[in-house]
Amino acid sequence: MIITQTAGEDTQSMIMSLIPNAKFQCANTTCLPFISVITTDIRNCQFACLGQSQCIAATFHRSTFNCELFDNMLNQSGNMLGDVDATSINVISGTRFPPEKWGKLRFVPPITNI
C-alpha cells in the first residue's frame, strides 16, 4: 500500500505492508513504541507514521483507536503475536519520499534581475 500525504507544497509518501490480526511482540525494551496516539482508523495511523520521520512500523488497535509508532526494531515481522483487534504496519525500507535527510528542504529558484 502506498501512503501519500500532501499539505500545500509538502508532499510525502512511503510504501507500507499491512499485517492484519497481529501486533509486535518484543523480548526486550528496544521494541517499545516511541509514541502512542489516538486515531480514528488504520489509515490515519498510517498518516501518523508518515508524519514522523523516524517511524518504521506501527500497530493500530481497533477497539481503543490506539496507534503505536515504532522507530527501533531490528526485525519487524519476526516478532509478531496474533491479535484479532490489531493491524500492524511495516514501512518498506528505502521507500520514504522524500528521504528523511531531505524531508524538510525545499527548492527555491534563484532570483534573476532583468
N, C-alpha and C. Protein backbone atom coordinates (compact mmCIF):
# COMPACT_ATOMS: atom_id res chain seq x y z
N MET A 1 0.84 -1.16 0.00
CA MET A 1 0.00 0.00 0.00
C MET A 1 0.89 1.23 0.00
N ILE A 2 0.61 2.18 -0.86
CA ILE A 2 1.35 3.43 -0.92
C ILE A 2 0.54 4.49 -0.18
N ILE A 3 1.17 5.14 0.77
CA ILE A 3 0.52 6.21 1.53
C ILE A 3 1.14 7.52 1.11
N THR A 4 0.30 8.48 0.70
CA THR A 4 0.76 9.80 0.28
C THR A 4 -0.03 10.85 1.02
N GLN A 5 0.66 11.89 1.49
CA GLN A 5 0.01 13.00 2.17
C GLN A 5 0.54 14.28 1.57
N THR A 6 -0.37 15.18 1.18
CA THR A 6 0.02 16.45 0.60
C THR A 6 -0.58 17.58 1.41
N ALA A 7 0.26 18.51 1.80
CA ALA A 7 -0.20 19.70 2.52
C ALA A 7 0.51 20.90 1.90
N GLY A 8 -0.20 21.67 1.09
CA GLY A 8 0.44 22.77 0.39
C GLY A 8 1.48 22.24 -0.56
N GLU A 9 2.73 22.64 -0.36
CA GLU A 9 3.82 22.18 -1.22
C GLU A 9 4.56 21.00 -0.63
N ASP A 10 4.16 20.53 0.55
CA ASP A 10 4.87 19.47 1.25
C ASP A 10 4.22 18.12 0.95
N THR A 11 4.82 17.32 0.08
CA THR A 11 4.29 16.02 -0.28
C THR A 11 5.22 14.95 0.27
N GLN A 12 4.64 13.96 0.93
CA GLN A 12 5.40 12.85 1.47
C GLN A 12 4.71 11.55 1.07
N SER A 13 5.49 10.49 0.93
CA SER A 13 4.90 9.19 0.65
C SER A 13 5.86 8.10 1.09
N MET A 14 5.32 6.89 1.24
CA MET A 14 6.11 5.70 1.54
C MET A 14 5.25 4.49 1.26
N ILE A 15 5.91 3.35 1.08
CA ILE A 15 5.19 2.10 0.86
C ILE A 15 5.18 1.32 2.17
N MET A 16 3.99 0.81 2.52
CA MET A 16 3.83 0.07 3.77
C MET A 16 3.21 -1.29 3.48
N SER A 17 3.58 -2.27 4.29
CA SER A 17 2.90 -3.56 4.23
C SER A 17 2.02 -3.67 5.47
N LEU A 18 0.82 -4.22 5.29
CA LEU A 18 -0.13 -4.40 6.39
C LEU A 18 -0.11 -5.86 6.84
N ILE A 19 -0.15 -6.05 8.16
CA ILE A 19 -0.22 -7.38 8.75
C ILE A 19 -1.47 -7.42 9.61
N PRO A 20 -2.59 -7.91 9.05
CA PRO A 20 -3.84 -7.93 9.82
C PRO A 20 -3.79 -8.96 10.95
N ASN A 21 -4.54 -8.67 12.01
CA ASN A 21 -4.70 -9.58 13.16
C ASN A 21 -3.38 -9.93 13.82
N ALA A 22 -2.48 -8.96 13.93
CA ALA A 22 -1.18 -9.20 14.55
C ALA A 22 -0.64 -7.92 15.16
N LYS A 23 0.14 -8.07 16.23
CA LYS A 23 0.83 -6.94 16.84
C LYS A 23 2.27 -7.35 17.12
N PHE A 24 3.12 -6.37 17.36
CA PHE A 24 4.52 -6.66 17.61
C PHE A 24 4.69 -7.18 19.04
N GLN A 25 5.44 -8.27 19.16
CA GLN A 25 5.77 -8.83 20.46
C GLN A 25 7.27 -8.74 20.61
N CYS A 26 7.71 -8.11 21.68
CA CYS A 26 9.14 -7.87 21.81
C CYS A 26 9.68 -8.51 23.07
N ALA A 27 10.85 -9.10 22.93
CA ALA A 27 11.50 -9.75 24.06
C ALA A 27 12.32 -8.76 24.88
N ASN A 28 12.53 -7.57 24.33
CA ASN A 28 13.31 -6.56 25.05
C ASN A 28 12.65 -5.19 24.91
N THR A 29 13.16 -4.20 25.61
CA THR A 29 12.54 -2.88 25.63
C THR A 29 12.85 -2.03 24.41
N THR A 30 13.75 -2.46 23.53
CA THR A 30 14.05 -1.66 22.35
C THR A 30 12.91 -1.67 21.35
N CYS A 31 11.91 -2.47 21.60
CA CYS A 31 10.79 -2.58 20.68
C CYS A 31 9.57 -1.77 21.17
N LEU A 32 9.72 -0.99 22.21
CA LEU A 32 8.60 -0.20 22.71
C LEU A 32 8.29 0.94 21.75
N PRO A 33 7.00 1.32 21.63
CA PRO A 33 6.68 2.45 20.76
C PRO A 33 7.29 3.74 21.29
N PHE A 34 7.70 4.62 20.37
CA PHE A 34 8.24 5.91 20.80
C PHE A 34 7.13 6.90 21.05
N ILE A 35 5.92 6.61 20.51
CA ILE A 35 4.76 7.45 20.76
C ILE A 35 3.50 6.63 20.49
N SER A 36 2.46 6.92 21.24
CA SER A 36 1.14 6.34 21.00
C SER A 36 0.16 7.49 20.83
N VAL A 37 -0.65 7.40 19.78
CA VAL A 37 -1.64 8.45 19.50
C VAL A 37 -3.00 7.80 19.27
N ILE A 38 -4.05 8.56 19.48
CA ILE A 38 -5.41 8.09 19.20
C ILE A 38 -5.76 8.55 17.78
N THR A 39 -6.16 7.59 16.94
CA THR A 39 -6.58 7.91 15.57
C THR A 39 -7.93 7.25 15.31
N THR A 40 -8.65 7.73 14.33
CA THR A 40 -9.98 7.20 14.05
C THR A 40 -9.98 5.87 13.31
N ASP A 41 -8.88 5.59 12.58
CA ASP A 41 -8.85 4.36 11.79
C ASP A 41 -7.41 4.03 11.40
N ILE A 42 -7.25 2.91 10.71
CA ILE A 42 -5.92 2.44 10.30
C ILE A 42 -5.25 3.43 9.35
N ARG A 43 -6.01 4.04 8.48
CA ARG A 43 -5.43 4.99 7.52
C ARG A 43 -4.81 6.18 8.24
N ASN A 44 -5.49 6.71 9.25
CA ASN A 44 -4.94 7.83 10.00
C ASN A 44 -3.74 7.41 10.83
N CYS A 45 -3.69 6.16 11.23
CA CYS A 45 -2.50 5.63 11.90
C CYS A 45 -1.32 5.62 10.91
N GLN A 46 -1.60 5.24 9.67
CA GLN A 46 -0.56 5.27 8.64
C GLN A 46 -0.07 6.70 8.41
N PHE A 47 -0.99 7.65 8.38
CA PHE A 47 -0.60 9.05 8.22
C PHE A 47 0.23 9.53 9.42
N ALA A 48 -0.12 9.07 10.62
CA ALA A 48 0.66 9.43 11.81
C ALA A 48 2.09 8.93 11.68
N CYS A 49 2.26 7.73 11.16
CA CYS A 49 3.60 7.18 10.93
C CYS A 49 4.32 7.99 9.86
N LEU A 50 3.62 8.33 8.80
CA LEU A 50 4.21 9.13 7.73
C LEU A 50 4.71 10.47 8.24
N GLY A 51 3.99 11.04 9.19
CA GLY A 51 4.35 12.34 9.73
C GLY A 51 5.55 12.33 10.67
N GLN A 52 6.00 11.16 11.08
CA GLN A 52 7.15 11.04 11.97
C GLN A 52 8.29 10.40 11.19
N SER A 53 9.34 11.15 10.92
CA SER A 53 10.41 10.67 10.05
C SER A 53 11.10 9.42 10.59
N GLN A 54 11.09 9.20 11.89
CA GLN A 54 11.77 8.03 12.46
C GLN A 54 10.87 6.79 12.50
N CYS A 55 9.60 6.91 12.13
CA CYS A 55 8.67 5.78 12.20
C CYS A 55 8.99 4.73 11.13
N ILE A 56 9.20 3.49 11.58
CA ILE A 56 9.45 2.39 10.64
C ILE A 56 8.38 1.30 10.75
N ALA A 57 7.50 1.41 11.77
CA ALA A 57 6.44 0.43 11.95
C ALA A 57 5.38 1.01 12.87
N ALA A 58 4.19 0.43 12.83
CA ALA A 58 3.09 0.89 13.69
C ALA A 58 2.13 -0.26 13.93
N THR A 59 1.37 -0.15 15.01
CA THR A 59 0.27 -1.08 15.28
C THR A 59 -0.96 -0.27 15.64
N PHE A 60 -2.08 -0.58 14.98
CA PHE A 60 -3.35 0.09 15.27
C PHE A 60 -4.27 -0.90 15.96
N HIS A 61 -4.84 -0.50 17.11
CA HIS A 61 -5.79 -1.32 17.87
C HIS A 61 -7.20 -0.77 17.63
N ARG A 62 -8.04 -1.56 16.96
CA ARG A 62 -9.37 -1.11 16.56
C ARG A 62 -10.28 -0.75 17.72
N SER A 63 -10.26 -1.51 18.80
CA SER A 63 -11.20 -1.28 19.90
C SER A 63 -10.89 -0.01 20.69
N THR A 64 -9.63 0.38 20.75
CA THR A 64 -9.24 1.56 21.53
C THR A 64 -8.82 2.74 20.65
N PHE A 65 -8.71 2.52 19.35
CA PHE A 65 -8.24 3.53 18.39
C PHE A 65 -6.81 3.97 18.69
N ASN A 66 -6.06 3.14 19.41
CA ASN A 66 -4.68 3.46 19.77
C ASN A 66 -3.74 3.09 18.63
N CYS A 67 -2.88 4.01 18.28
CA CYS A 67 -1.90 3.83 17.21
C CYS A 67 -0.51 3.95 17.84
N GLU A 68 0.24 2.86 17.84
CA GLU A 68 1.58 2.84 18.41
C GLU A 68 2.60 2.94 17.29
N LEU A 69 3.52 3.90 17.40
CA LEU A 69 4.56 4.11 16.39
C LEU A 69 5.89 3.63 16.92
N PHE A 70 6.62 2.89 16.08
CA PHE A 70 7.90 2.29 16.47
C PHE A 70 9.03 2.85 15.61
N ASP A 71 10.21 2.99 16.23
CA ASP A 71 11.36 3.50 15.49
C ASP A 71 12.61 2.65 15.63
N ASN A 72 12.62 1.70 16.53
CA ASN A 72 13.86 0.96 16.80
C ASN A 72 13.56 -0.53 16.83
N MET A 73 13.39 -1.12 15.66
CA MET A 73 13.09 -2.55 15.59
C MET A 73 14.00 -3.19 14.56
N LEU A 74 14.68 -4.23 14.96
CA LEU A 74 15.60 -4.90 14.04
C LEU A 74 14.87 -5.81 13.06
N ASN A 75 13.87 -6.53 13.51
CA ASN A 75 13.16 -7.49 12.67
C ASN A 75 11.67 -7.31 12.88
N GLN A 76 11.08 -6.36 12.15
CA GLN A 76 9.68 -6.02 12.38
C GLN A 76 8.73 -7.20 12.28
N SER A 77 8.84 -8.01 11.26
CA SER A 77 7.86 -9.08 11.07
C SER A 77 8.26 -10.39 11.74
N GLY A 78 9.42 -10.45 12.37
CA GLY A 78 9.84 -11.67 13.04
C GLY A 78 9.30 -11.82 14.45
N ASN A 79 8.76 -10.74 15.02
CA ASN A 79 8.27 -10.77 16.39
C ASN A 79 6.79 -10.44 16.44
N MET A 80 5.97 -11.24 15.81
CA MET A 80 4.53 -10.97 15.74
C MET A 80 3.75 -11.90 16.68
N LEU A 81 2.67 -11.34 17.24
CA LEU A 81 1.78 -12.08 18.11
C LEU A 81 0.36 -11.90 17.57
N GLY A 82 -0.37 -12.99 17.43
CA GLY A 82 -1.74 -12.90 16.93
C GLY A 82 -2.62 -12.07 17.84
N ASP A 83 -3.42 -11.18 17.24
CA ASP A 83 -4.34 -10.32 17.99
C ASP A 83 -5.42 -9.85 17.02
N VAL A 84 -6.64 -10.35 17.17
CA VAL A 84 -7.71 -10.02 16.22
C VAL A 84 -8.11 -8.55 16.28
N ASP A 85 -7.69 -7.82 17.32
CA ASP A 85 -8.02 -6.41 17.46
C ASP A 85 -6.99 -5.50 16.80
N ALA A 86 -5.87 -6.04 16.37
CA ALA A 86 -4.75 -5.21 15.90
C ALA A 86 -4.43 -5.43 14.43
N THR A 87 -3.92 -4.38 13.82
CA THR A 87 -3.31 -4.45 12.49
C THR A 87 -1.96 -3.77 12.60
N SER A 88 -0.92 -4.44 12.15
CA SER A 88 0.41 -3.86 12.20
C SER A 88 0.85 -3.42 10.82
N ILE A 89 1.75 -2.47 10.80
CA ILE A 89 2.20 -1.82 9.58
C ILE A 89 3.73 -1.80 9.58
N ASN A 90 4.32 -2.19 8.48
CA ASN A 90 5.77 -2.06 8.29
C ASN A 90 6.04 -1.09 7.16
N VAL A 91 6.93 -0.15 7.38
CA VAL A 91 7.38 0.73 6.30
C VAL A 91 8.45 -0.03 5.53
N ILE A 92 8.28 -0.14 4.23
CA ILE A 92 9.26 -0.83 3.39
C ILE A 92 10.50 0.07 3.29
N SER A 93 11.63 -0.47 3.71
CA SER A 93 12.88 0.29 3.75
C SER A 93 13.21 0.89 2.38
N GLY A 94 13.61 2.15 2.39
CA GLY A 94 14.02 2.82 1.17
C GLY A 94 12.89 3.41 0.34
N THR A 95 11.64 3.35 0.84
CA THR A 95 10.52 3.84 0.04
C THR A 95 9.98 5.20 0.51
N ARG A 96 10.52 5.75 1.60
CA ARG A 96 10.03 7.04 2.10
C ARG A 96 10.50 8.15 1.15
N PHE A 97 9.53 9.00 0.73
CA PHE A 97 9.85 10.13 -0.13
C PHE A 97 9.24 11.39 0.46
N PRO A 98 9.97 12.46 0.61
CA PRO A 98 11.40 12.49 0.37
C PRO A 98 12.14 11.71 1.45
N PRO A 99 13.36 11.26 1.16
CA PRO A 99 14.13 10.55 2.18
C PRO A 99 14.29 11.43 3.41
N GLU A 100 14.46 10.79 4.55
CA GLU A 100 14.50 11.50 5.83
C GLU A 100 15.45 12.70 5.84
N LYS A 101 16.66 12.52 5.32
CA LYS A 101 17.63 13.61 5.40
C LYS A 101 17.27 14.80 4.53
N TRP A 102 16.38 14.62 3.53
CA TRP A 102 15.98 15.73 2.68
C TRP A 102 14.55 16.17 2.93
N GLY A 103 13.89 15.57 3.89
CA GLY A 103 12.46 15.78 4.09
C GLY A 103 12.00 17.21 4.32
N LYS A 104 12.81 18.06 4.90
CA LYS A 104 12.35 19.40 5.22
C LYS A 104 12.94 20.47 4.30
N LEU A 105 13.73 20.08 3.31
CA LEU A 105 14.32 21.04 2.40
C LEU A 105 13.40 21.29 1.21
N ARG A 106 13.39 22.49 0.72
CA ARG A 106 12.60 22.82 -0.45
C ARG A 106 13.47 23.56 -1.45
N PHE A 107 13.23 23.37 -2.72
CA PHE A 107 13.97 24.05 -3.77
C PHE A 107 13.44 25.48 -3.89
N VAL A 108 14.34 26.43 -3.86
CA VAL A 108 13.98 27.82 -4.05
C VAL A 108 14.73 28.29 -5.29
N PRO A 109 14.01 28.65 -6.36
CA PRO A 109 14.71 29.06 -7.58
C PRO A 109 15.49 30.36 -7.36
N PRO A 110 16.61 30.50 -8.08
CA PRO A 110 17.40 31.73 -7.92
C PRO A 110 16.63 32.94 -8.44
N ILE A 111 16.92 34.08 -7.83
CA ILE A 111 16.29 35.33 -8.27
C ILE A 111 17.19 35.94 -9.33
N THR A 112 16.60 36.29 -10.45
CA THR A 112 17.36 36.93 -11.52
C THR A 112 16.84 38.33 -11.75
N ASN A 113 17.74 39.25 -11.93
CA ASN A 113 17.35 40.64 -12.22
C ASN A 113 17.40 40.85 -13.73
N ILE A 114 16.40 41.50 -14.25
CA ILE A 114 16.35 41.77 -15.69
C ILE A 114 16.58 43.22 -15.94
